[in-house]
Amino acid sequence: MSQVCLCVQSFKSFFVSAMFKSNNKSDDSPIINRNVQYFINARHFDSNAQLVDVIKPISDAIGRLENQHATIMDVMIDIFKIAKQLKAVPDDNPFKEVATLTFARRVKVFDNCSNFLALHLSPNHKALAVSKKYSLDNMRRRMFEIVRELN
């Protein structure tokens, strides 16, 4: 879906120019049907751009995580990236609230100490893993539990 939205967005200037030429009959440009013009108006492209702002970070993360070498650490890092990017979307974007609520509901699956431990073991992302809910002590305990389970 994100690819379709990006493709539509890339043709905005073409459609706007074609509609302008059609309405002004400035040259031999083909006439665009009024119903089509009504459907493809500036609001259509504005809404499409707002949708792209919301779904592109999620789509990009899915693309990265489809790699067969992706780890739980990669998933956790992308969760933080998506959260940060969704937070940056303007509040007047009509898709932001739905996307944020859906993301929050889906991300709960990854909200456990083991996943934060995987992130903490990454030398570049240690600070991301520590939170009020998952302290260093909690992660140490979980690490020892995992070691015991493996033995």
Foldseek 3Di string as FASTA:
>chain_A
DLVVLVVVLVCLVVVVVLQVCLVVVPDPRDHDDPVVPVVNDPVVNVLSVLVNLLCVLVVVLVVVCVPPPDDLLSVVVSLVVNVVSLVPRDPVRPCSVVSVVVSVVVCVVQPDLVSLLVNCPDPVRVVVSDDPVHHPVNNVVVVVVVVVVVD
